[in-house]
C-alpha atoms as a PDB file:
ATOM      1  CA  MET A   1      26.695 -18.779  14.655  1.00  0.00           C
ATOM      2  CA  ASP A   2      27.742 -18.331  11.018  1.00  0.00           C
ATOM      3  CA  TYR A   3      24.733 -17.253   8.948  1.00  0.00           C
ATOM      4  CA  SER A   4      24.767 -17.551   5.155  1.00  0.00           C
ATOM      5  CA  TYR A   5      22.135 -17.638   2.448  1.00  0.00           C
ATOM      6  CA  ILE A   6      21.247 -20.676   0.351  1.00  0.00           C
ATOM      7  CA  PRO A   7      21.199 -19.857  -3.369  1.00  0.00           C
ATOM      8  CA  ILE A   8      18.304 -20.995  -5.583  1.00  0.00           C
ATOM      9  CA  SER A   9      19.378 -22.551  -8.884  1.00  0.00           C
ATOM     10  CA  ASN A  10      17.512 -22.219 -12.180  1.00  0.00           C
ATOM     11  CA  SER A  11      16.251 -25.793 -11.918  1.00  0.00           C
ATOM     12  CA  GLN A  12      14.961 -25.194  -8.384  1.00  0.00           C
ATOM     13  CA  LEU A  13      13.250 -22.008  -9.553  1.00  0.00           C
ATOM     14  CA  ALA A  14      11.575 -23.914 -12.375  1.00  0.00           C
ATOM     15  CA  PHE A  15      10.503 -26.634  -9.938  1.00  0.00           C
ATOM     16  CA  SER A  16       8.695 -23.992  -7.833  1.00  0.00           C
ATOM     17  CA  VAL A  17       6.288 -23.521 -10.739  1.00  0.00           C
ATOM     18  CA  GLY A  18       4.836 -26.865  -9.700  1.00  0.00           C
ATOM     19  CA  LEU A  19       3.168 -25.067  -6.814  1.00  0.00           C
ATOM     20  CA  VAL A  20       1.313 -22.911  -9.341  1.00  0.00           C
ATOM     21  CA  LEU A  21       0.194 -26.059 -11.141  1.00  0.00           C
ATOM     22  CA  LEU A  22      -1.242 -27.303  -7.851  1.00  0.00           C
ATOM     23  CA  ALA A  23      -3.286 -24.105  -7.512  1.00  0.00           C
ATOM     24  CA  GLY A  24      -4.340 -24.480 -11.144  1.00  0.00           C
ATOM     25  CA  MET A  25      -5.571 -28.010 -10.509  1.00  0.00           C
ATOM     26  CA  VAL A  26      -7.725 -26.791  -7.640  1.00  0.00           C
ATOM     27  CA  SER A  27      -9.139 -24.032  -9.866  1.00  0.00           C
ATOM     28  CA  ALA A  28      -9.885 -26.492 -12.669  1.00  0.00           C
ATOM     29  CA  PHE A  29     -11.432 -29.065 -10.329  1.00  0.00           C
ATOM     30  CA  LEU A  30     -13.800 -26.496  -8.811  1.00  0.00           C
ATOM     31  CA  LYS A  31     -14.380 -24.828 -12.215  1.00  0.00           C
ATOM     32  CA  LEU A  32     -13.457 -21.408 -10.806  1.00  0.00           C
ATOM     33  CA  GLY A  33     -12.345 -20.056 -14.166  1.00  0.00           C
ATOM     34  CA  LEU A  34      -9.158 -18.687 -12.617  1.00  0.00           C
ATOM     35  CA  LEU A  35      -6.670 -20.762 -14.603  1.00  0.00           C
ATOM     36  CA  PRO A  36      -5.961 -18.138 -17.320  1.00  0.00           C
ATOM     37  CA  SER A  37      -5.561 -15.383 -14.729  1.00  0.00           C
ATOM     38  CA  LEU A  38      -3.320 -17.602 -12.628  1.00  0.00           C
ATOM     39  CA  PHE A  39      -1.170 -18.437 -15.661  1.00  0.00           C
ATOM     40  CA  TRP A  40      -0.748 -14.858 -16.836  1.00  0.00           C
ATOM     41  CA  GLY A  41      -0.269 -13.651 -13.283  1.00  0.00           C
ATOM     42  CA  THR A  42       2.575 -16.111 -12.800  1.00  0.00           C
ATOM     43  CA  CYS A  43       4.193 -15.088 -16.084  1.00  0.00           C
ATOM     44  CA  ARG A  44       3.883 -11.395 -15.278  1.00  0.00           C
ATOM     45  CA  ALA A  45       5.264 -11.876 -11.788  1.00  0.00           C
ATOM     46  CA  PHE A  46       8.309 -13.721 -13.136  1.00  0.00           C
ATOM     47  CA  LEU A  47       8.997 -11.171 -15.865  1.00  0.00           C
ATOM     48  CA  GLN A  48       8.422  -8.168 -13.613  1.00  0.00           C
ATOM     49  CA  LEU A  49      10.586  -9.518 -10.802  1.00  0.00           C
ATOM     50  CA  THR A  50      13.361 -10.514 -13.210  1.00  0.00           C
ATOM     51  CA  LEU A  51      13.303  -7.070 -14.800  1.00  0.00           C
ATOM     52  CA  ILE A  52      13.277  -5.239 -11.474  1.00  0.00           C
ATOM     53  CA  GLY A  53      16.217  -7.370 -10.353  1.00  0.00           C
ATOM     54  CA  TYR A  54      18.331  -6.017 -13.227  1.00  0.00           C
ATOM     55  CA  VAL A  55      17.033  -2.472 -12.697  1.00  0.00           C
ATOM     56  CA  LEU A  56      17.840  -2.534  -8.981  1.00  0.00           C
ATOM     57  CA  ALA A  57      21.335  -3.869  -9.653  1.00  0.00           C
ATOM     58  CA  TYR A  58      21.893  -0.920 -12.009  1.00  0.00           C
ATOM     59  CA  LEU A  59      20.463   1.602  -9.535  1.00  0.00           C
ATOM     60  CA  PHE A  60      22.596   0.244  -6.708  1.00  0.00           C
ATOM     61  CA  ILE A  61      25.698   0.818  -8.815  1.00  0.00           C
ATOM     62  CA  ILE A  62      24.745   4.357  -9.935  1.00  0.00           C
ATOM     63  CA  ASN A  63      23.304   5.333  -6.516  1.00  0.00           C
ATOM     64  CA  HIS A  64      22.487   8.962  -7.388  1.00  0.00           C
ATOM     65  CA  PHE A  65      19.619  10.828  -5.715  1.00  0.00           C
ATOM     66  CA  LEU A  66      18.613  12.680  -8.910  1.00  0.00           C
ATOM     67  CA  LEU A  67      18.040   9.285 -10.516  1.00  0.00           C
ATOM     68  CA  LEU A  68      16.251   7.797  -7.507  1.00  0.00           C
ATOM     69  CA  LEU A  69      13.806  10.704  -7.011  1.00  0.00           C
ATOM     70  CA  PRO A  70      11.906  10.338 -10.327  1.00  0.00           C
ATOM     71  CA  ILE A  71      11.792   6.563  -9.855  1.00  0.00           C
ATOM     72  CA  ILE A  72      10.184   6.940  -6.424  1.00  0.00           C
ATOM     73  CA  LEU A  73       7.714   9.483  -7.815  1.00  0.00           C
ATOM     74  CA  LEU A  74       6.867   7.022 -10.596  1.00  0.00           C
ATOM     75  CA  MET A  75       6.292   4.340  -7.945  1.00  0.00           C
ATOM     76  CA  CYS A  76       3.957   6.750  -6.135  1.00  0.00           C
ATOM     77  CA  TYR A  77       2.004   7.405  -9.335  1.00  0.00           C
ATOM     78  CA  ILE A  78       1.646   3.702 -10.165  1.00  0.00           C
ATOM     79  CA  ALA A  79       0.475   2.992  -6.604  1.00  0.00           C
ATOM     80  CA  ALA A  80      -2.006   5.893  -6.777  1.00  0.00           C
ATOM     81  CA  ARG A  81      -3.400   4.663 -10.086  1.00  0.00           C
ATOM     82  CA  GLU A  82      -3.805   1.122  -8.755  1.00  0.00           C
ATOM     83  CA  ALA A  83      -5.477   2.434  -5.596  1.00  0.00           C
ATOM     84  CA  GLY A  84      -7.874   4.465  -7.744  1.00  0.00           C
ATOM     85  CA  LYS A  85      -8.887   1.356  -9.683  1.00  0.00           C
ATOM     86  CA  ARG A  86      -9.954  -0.347  -6.464  1.00  0.00           C
ATOM     87  CA  ILE A  87     -12.331   2.475  -5.517  1.00  0.00           C
ATOM     88  CA  THR A  88     -15.587   1.521  -7.191  1.00  0.00           C
ATOM     89  CA  LYS A  89     -17.931   4.306  -6.059  1.00  0.00           C
ATOM     90  CA  SER A  90     -15.862   7.438  -6.574  1.00  0.00           C
ATOM     91  CA  PRO A  91     -17.777  10.365  -8.151  1.00  0.00           C
ATOM     92  CA  HIS A  92     -14.491  11.607  -9.625  1.00  0.00           C
ATOM     93  CA  ASN A  93     -11.098  10.247 -10.663  1.00  0.00           C
ATOM     94  CA  PRO A  94      -9.246   9.726  -7.368  1.00  0.00           C
ATOM     95  CA  THR A  95      -5.795   9.194  -8.900  1.00  0.00           C
ATOM     96  CA  PHE A  96      -4.485  12.721  -8.301  1.00  0.00           C
ATOM     97  CA  ILE A  97      -5.689  12.901  -4.713  1.00  0.00           C
ATOM     98  CA  SER A  98      -4.341   9.396  -4.096  1.00  0.00           C
ATOM     99  CA  PHE A  99      -0.972  10.469  -5.502  1.00  0.00           C
ATOM    100  CA  ILE A 100      -0.801  13.483  -3.181  1.00  0.00           C
ATOM    101  CA  ALA A 101      -1.729  11.422  -0.123  1.00  0.00           C
ATOM    102  CA  LEU A 102       0.605   8.554  -0.976  1.00  0.00           C
ATOM    103  CA  SER A 103       3.604  10.661  -1.922  1.00  0.00           C
ATOM    104  CA  SER A 104       3.234  12.949   1.111  1.00  0.00           C
ATOM    105  CA  SER A 105       2.926  10.156   3.676  1.00  0.00           C
ATOM    106  CA  THR A 106       5.595   8.046   1.978  1.00  0.00           C
ATOM    107  CA  PHE A 107       8.199  10.780   1.743  1.00  0.00           C
ATOM    108  CA  LEU A 108       7.550  11.979   5.290  1.00  0.00           C
ATOM    109  CA  VAL A 109       7.681   8.602   7.018  1.00  0.00           C
ATOM    110  CA  GLY A 110      10.250   7.100   4.657  1.00  0.00           C
ATOM    111  CA  THR A 111      12.664  10.001   5.098  1.00  0.00           C
ATOM    112  CA  ILE A 112      12.401   9.796   8.894  1.00  0.00           C
ATOM    113  CA  VAL A 113      13.109   6.055   8.842  1.00  0.00           C
ATOM    114  CA  VAL A 114      15.970   6.223   6.351  1.00  0.00           C
ATOM    115  CA  VAL A 115      17.715   9.352   7.665  1.00  0.00           C
ATOM    116  CA  LEU A 116      17.127   9.130  11.416  1.00  0.00           C
ATOM    117  CA  ILE A 117      16.722   5.404  12.160  1.00  0.00           C
ATOM    118  CA  ILE A 118      18.647   3.333   9.613  1.00  0.00           C
ATOM    119  CA  SER A 119      21.087   6.163   8.758  1.00  0.00           C
ATOM    120  CA  PRO A 120      22.999   4.697   5.801  1.00  0.00           C
ATOM    121  CA  SER A 121      25.929   6.577   4.287  1.00  0.00           C
ATOM    122  CA  PRO A 122      25.037   8.362   2.091  1.00  0.00           C
ATOM    123  CA  TRP A 123      21.456   8.742   3.346  1.00  0.00           C
ATOM    124  CA  TYR A 124      20.013   8.242  -0.152  1.00  0.00           C
ATOM    125  CA  THR A 125      21.633   4.818  -0.568  1.00  0.00           C
ATOM    126  CA  ALA A 126      19.478   3.055  -3.167  1.00  0.00           C
ATOM    127  CA  GLN A 127      19.769  -0.315  -1.428  1.00  0.00           C
ATOM    128  CA  VAL A 128      17.925   1.169   1.555  1.00  0.00           C
ATOM    129  CA  LEU A 129      15.794   3.913   0.010  1.00  0.00           C
ATOM    130  CA  ILE A 130      13.951   1.928  -2.658  1.00  0.00           C
ATOM    131  CA  PRO A 131      12.953  -1.102  -0.518  1.00  0.00           C
ATOM    132  CA  ILE A 132      11.800   1.116   2.365  1.00  0.00           C
ATOM    133  CA  PHE A 133       9.728   3.418   0.162  1.00  0.00           C
ATOM    134  CA  GLY A 134       8.385   0.430  -1.774  1.00  0.00           C
ATOM    135  CA  MET A 135       7.126  -1.297   1.373  1.00  0.00           C
ATOM    136  CA  ILE A 136       5.460   1.888   2.562  1.00  0.00           C
ATOM    137  CA  LEU A 137       3.747   2.420  -0.792  1.00  0.00           C
ATOM    138  CA  GLY A 138       2.531  -1.161  -1.103  1.00  0.00           C
ATOM    139  CA  ASN A 139       0.782  -1.070   2.249  1.00  0.00           C
ATOM    140  CA  SER A 140      -0.430   2.533   2.063  1.00  0.00           C
ATOM    141  CA  MET A 141      -1.975   1.871  -1.352  1.00  0.00           C
ATOM    142  CA  ASN A 142      -4.281  -0.765   0.138  1.00  0.00           C
ATOM    143  CA  GLY A 143      -5.073   1.417   3.151  1.00  0.00           C
ATOM    144  CA  ILE A 144      -6.155   4.513   1.238  1.00  0.00           C
ATOM    145  CA  ALA A 145      -8.208   2.439  -1.203  1.00  0.00           C
ATOM    146  CA  LEU A 146     -10.101   0.839   1.694  1.00  0.00           C
ATOM    147  CA  SER A 147     -10.601   4.183   3.426  1.00  0.00           C
ATOM    148  CA  LEU A 148     -11.872   6.057   0.388  1.00  0.00           C
ATOM    149  CA  ASP A 149     -14.142   3.260  -0.751  1.00  0.00           C
ATOM    150  CA  ARG A 150     -15.585   2.977   2.763  1.00  0.00           C
ATOM    151  CA  MET A 151     -16.158   6.735   2.976  1.00  0.00           C
ATOM    152  CA  TYR A 152     -18.055   6.850  -0.311  1.00  0.00           C
ATOM    153  CA  SER A 153     -20.160   3.833   0.684  1.00  0.00           C
ATOM    154  CA  GLU A 154     -21.037   5.433   4.021  1.00  0.00           C
ATOM    155  CA  VAL A 155     -21.856   8.830   2.484  1.00  0.00           C
ATOM    156  CA  TYR A 156     -24.029   7.331  -0.254  1.00  0.00           C
ATOM    157  CA  GLY A 157     -25.835   5.120   2.239  1.00  0.00           C
ATOM    158  CA  LYS A 158     -26.495   7.971   4.668  1.00  0.00           C
ATOM    159  CA  ALA A 159     -27.091  10.847   2.260  1.00  0.00           C
ATOM    160  CA  ASP A 160     -30.478  11.646   3.844  1.00  0.00           C
ATOM    161  CA  GLN A 161     -28.932  11.819   7.309  1.00  0.00           C
ATOM    162  CA  ILE A 162     -26.159  14.109   6.056  1.00  0.00           C
ATOM    163  CA  GLU A 163     -28.646  16.434   4.365  1.00  0.00           C
ATOM    164  CA  ALA A 164     -30.677  16.595   7.559  1.00  0.00           C
ATOM    165  CA  LEU A 165     -27.607  17.636   9.536  1.00  0.00           C
ATOM    166  CA  LEU A 166     -26.770  20.277   6.935  1.00  0.00           C
ATOM    167  CA  THR A 167     -30.342  21.584   7.179  1.00  0.00           C
ATOM    168  CA  PHE A 168     -29.909  22.064  10.925  1.00  0.00           C
ATOM    169  CA  GLY A 169     -26.796  24.147  10.364  1.00  0.00           C
ATOM    170  CA  ALA A 170     -24.001  21.588  10.493  1.00  0.00           C
ATOM    171  CA  THR A 171     -20.943  22.198   8.366  1.00  0.00           C
ATOM    172  CA  PRO A 172     -19.949  19.546   5.783  1.00  0.00           C
ATOM    173  CA  TRP A 173     -17.200  18.334   8.119  1.00  0.00           C
ATOM    174  CA  GLU A 174     -19.574  18.049  11.071  1.00  0.00           C
ATOM    175  CA  ALA A 175     -22.070  16.186   8.892  1.00  0.00           C
ATOM    176  CA  VAL A 176     -19.574  13.524   7.775  1.00  0.00           C
ATOM    177  CA  ARG A 177     -17.152  13.481  10.720  1.00  0.00           C
ATOM    178  CA  ASP A 178     -18.292  10.123  12.091  1.00  0.00           C
ATOM    179  CA  LEU A 179     -18.288   8.620   8.612  1.00  0.00           C
ATOM    180  CA  VAL A 180     -14.735   9.852   8.053  1.00  0.00           C
ATOM    181  CA  LYS A 181     -13.666   8.247  11.333  1.00  0.00           C
ATOM    182  CA  ASN A 182     -15.144   4.941  10.194  1.00  0.00           C
ATOM    183  CA  ALA A 183     -13.368   5.249   6.840  1.00  0.00           C
ATOM    184  CA  VAL A 184      -9.957   5.912   8.391  1.00  0.00           C
ATOM    185  CA  ALA A 185     -10.465   3.042  10.833  1.00  0.00           C
ATOM    186  CA  ALA A 186     -11.354   0.709   7.948  1.00  0.00           C
ATOM    187  CA  GLY A 187      -8.150   1.580   6.133  1.00  0.00           C
ATOM    188  CA  MET A 188      -6.000   1.082   9.232  1.00  0.00           C
ATOM    189  CA  THR A 189      -7.593  -2.159  10.465  1.00  0.00           C
ATOM    190  CA  PRO A 190      -5.522  -4.599   8.331  1.00  0.00           C
ATOM    191  CA  THR A 191      -2.287  -2.934   9.477  1.00  0.00           C
ATOM    192  CA  ILE A 192      -3.350  -3.004  13.132  1.00  0.00           C
ATOM    193  CA  ASN A 193      -4.309  -6.677  12.798  1.00  0.00           C
ATOM    194  CA  SER A 194      -0.855  -7.395  11.387  1.00  0.00           C
ATOM    195  CA  LEU A 195       0.765  -5.669  14.366  1.00  0.00           C
ATOM    196  CA  MET A 196      -1.251  -7.831  16.741  1.00  0.00           C
ATOM    197  CA  VAL A 197      -0.172 -11.193  15.319  1.00  0.00           C
ATOM    198  CA  VAL A 198       3.321 -10.524  13.942  1.00  0.00           C
ATOM    199  CA  GLY A 199       5.787 -12.994  15.387  1.00  0.00           C
ATOM    200  CA  LEU A 200       3.018 -15.241  16.768  1.00  0.00           C
ATOM    201  CA  VAL A 201       1.021 -16.132  13.665  1.00  0.00           C
ATOM    202  CA  SER A 202       3.028 -14.637  10.815  1.00  0.00           C
ATOM    203  CA  LEU A 203       6.696 -14.036  10.038  1.00  0.00           C
ATOM    204  CA  PRO A 204       6.597 -11.057   7.666  1.00  0.00           C
ATOM    205  CA  GLY A 205       8.304 -11.104   4.300  1.00  0.00           C
ATOM    206  CA  MET A 206      11.158  -8.737   5.093  1.00  0.00           C
ATOM    207  CA  MET A 207      12.159 -10.598   8.249  1.00  0.00           C
ATOM    208  CA  THR A 208      11.887 -13.982   6.531  1.00  0.00           C
ATOM    209  CA  GLY A 209      13.879 -12.745   3.550  1.00  0.00           C
ATOM    210  CA  GLN A 210      16.660 -11.381   5.715  1.00  0.00           C
ATOM    211  CA  ILE A 211      16.891 -14.607   7.722  1.00  0.00           C
ATOM    212  CA  LEU A 212      17.028 -16.675   4.525  1.00  0.00           C
ATOM    213  CA  ALA A 213      19.694 -14.287   3.223  1.00  0.00           C
ATOM    214  CA  GLY A 214      21.867 -15.050   6.241  1.00  0.00           C
ATOM    215  CA  MET A 215      21.171 -12.192   8.665  1.00  0.00           C
ATOM    216  CA  ASP A 216      21.223 -12.762  12.417  1.00  0.00           C
ATOM    217  CA  PRO A 217      17.549 -13.351  13.415  1.00  0.00           C
ATOM    218  CA  GLN A 218      17.840 -10.832  16.254  1.00  0.00           C
ATOM    219  CA  MET A 219      18.873  -8.094  13.830  1.00  0.00           C
ATOM    220  CA  ALA A 220      16.192  -9.178  11.343  1.00  0.00           C
ATOM    221  CA  VAL A 221      13.605  -8.791  14.114  1.00  0.00           C
ATOM    222  CA  ARG A 222      14.747  -5.215  14.758  1.00  0.00           C
ATOM    223  CA  TYR A 223      14.446  -4.297  11.104  1.00  0.00           C
ATOM    224  CA  GLN A 224      11.009  -5.894  10.918  1.00  0.00           C
ATOM    225  CA  PHE A 225       9.801  -3.971  13.952  1.00  0.00           C
ATOM    226  CA  VAL A 226      10.919  -0.683  12.395  1.00  0.00           C
ATOM    227  CA  VAL A 227       9.182  -1.649   9.149  1.00  0.00           C
ATOM    228  CA  MET A 228       5.900  -2.535  10.886  1.00  0.00           C
ATOM    229  CA  ILE A 229       5.838   0.742  12.818  1.00  0.00           C
ATOM    230  CA  MET A 230       6.694   2.849   9.778  1.00  0.00           C
ATOM    231  CA  ILE A 231       3.953   1.135   7.764  1.00  0.00           C
ATOM    232  CA  ALA A 232       1.413   1.809  10.515  1.00  0.00           C
ATOM    233  CA  ALA A 233       2.395   5.494  10.603  1.00  0.00           C
ATOM    234  CA  ALA A 234       2.332   5.879   6.826  1.00  0.00           C
ATOM    235  CA  VAL A 235      -1.028   4.107   6.468  1.00  0.00           C
ATOM    236  CA  ALA A 236      -2.562   6.271   9.193  1.00  0.00           C
ATOM    237  CA  LEU A 237      -1.327   9.482   7.563  1.00  0.00           C
ATOM    238  CA  GLY A 238      -2.299   8.346   4.077  1.00  0.00           C
ATOM    239  CA  CYS A 239      -5.820   7.302   5.113  1.00  0.00           C
ATOM    240  CA  PHE A 240      -6.442  10.555   6.958  1.00  0.00           C
ATOM    241  CA  MET A 241      -5.131  12.670   4.090  1.00  0.00           C
ATOM    242  CA  ILE A 242      -7.111  10.877   1.394  1.00  0.00           C
ATOM    243  CA  VAL A 243     -10.450  11.275   3.180  1.00  0.00           C
ATOM    244  CA  ALA A 244      -9.623  14.851   4.234  1.00  0.00           C
ATOM    245  CA  PHE A 245      -8.902  15.793   0.622  1.00  0.00           C
ATOM    246  CA  SER A 246     -11.856  13.867  -0.785  1.00  0.00           C
ATOM    247  CA  PHE A 247     -14.853  14.598   1.419  1.00  0.00           C
ATOM    248  CA  LYS A 248     -15.020  18.242   0.269  1.00  0.00           C
ATOM    249  CA  LYS A 249     -15.553  17.098  -3.307  1.00  0.00           C
ATOM    250  CA  LEU A 250     -18.883  15.588  -2.229  1.00  0.00           C
ATOM    251  CA  PHE A 251     -20.301  19.041  -1.474  1.00  0.00           C
ATOM    252  CA  THR A 252     -21.119  22.107  -3.548  1.00  0.00           C
ATOM    253  CA  GLY A 253     -19.855  25.608  -2.844  1.00  0.00           C
ATOM    254  CA  ASP A 254     -23.105  26.219  -0.946  1.00  0.00           C
ATOM    255  CA  MET A 255     -22.269  23.367   1.466  1.00  0.00           C
ATOM    256  CA  ALA A 256     -24.903  21.003   0.057  1.00  0.00           C
ATOM    257  CA  LEU A 257     -24.470  17.445  -1.101  1.00  0.00           C
ATOM    258  CA  LYS A 258     -23.859  17.212  -4.823  1.00  0.00           C
ATOM    259  CA  GLU A 259     -26.667  15.824  -6.943  1.00  0.00           C
ATOM    260  CA  THR A 260     -24.499  12.884  -8.062  1.00  0.00           C
ATOM    261  CA  VAL A 261     -24.086  11.832  -4.415  1.00  0.00           C
ATOM    262  CA  ARG A 262     -27.802  11.996  -3.630  1.00  0.00           C
ATOM    263  CA  LYS A 263     -28.655   9.832  -6.634  1.00  0.00           C
ATOM    264  CA  ASN A 264     -26.332   6.975  -5.629  1.00  0.00           C
END
């Protein structure tokens, strides 16, 4: 079978805005107050995607690792900052720790996938490197935010129990170990749920995009499977690292809960 993509014209792109108007009508009818956010969100999405389209075209032409590396690090920083904004109960600014966890898990898993599985030539081909690392970051960002927020909620809610364990000689890790497990599980749950229903309930974006772009569905399925597994691995590593780096900051040098934690 001859597969080919169907181009979208400017008029068809403009017509798609009608779907946003439909969502706006629902918001206005129910008086949700979301119309301004929906409008600006649509405008930002269009401008950002248009800009990144030109940037990616330029990067694909240059295709130099020394140019790609700072861009990926910038992506890691932006993802870490956005993840930090979603953590509402942090006793400190989690951006730096989020950056370390995200960049470490992303570079480890992304490099394995790009170099050993996809194996483009050269290995740092921008057309492969940037989409792969971007997908890992987008999913890991949500995972670490859920994990860290869950850990802080659990620690604040069970501060008395933790202090009791510390009084009986438990180390900080022993006192919060079960809470850390719950936090990591919370961060990984959306990814695991996606693995369970992929292909039955949902056709993920990468697979759908490749099919619409003309790729053989069987090959698109293989790429999507690799993507789902790499995301699961990166989210698991990122969630574990973020809580491992963060739980120590809840305790003093004398292995007691900090005063700010007990007051929450």
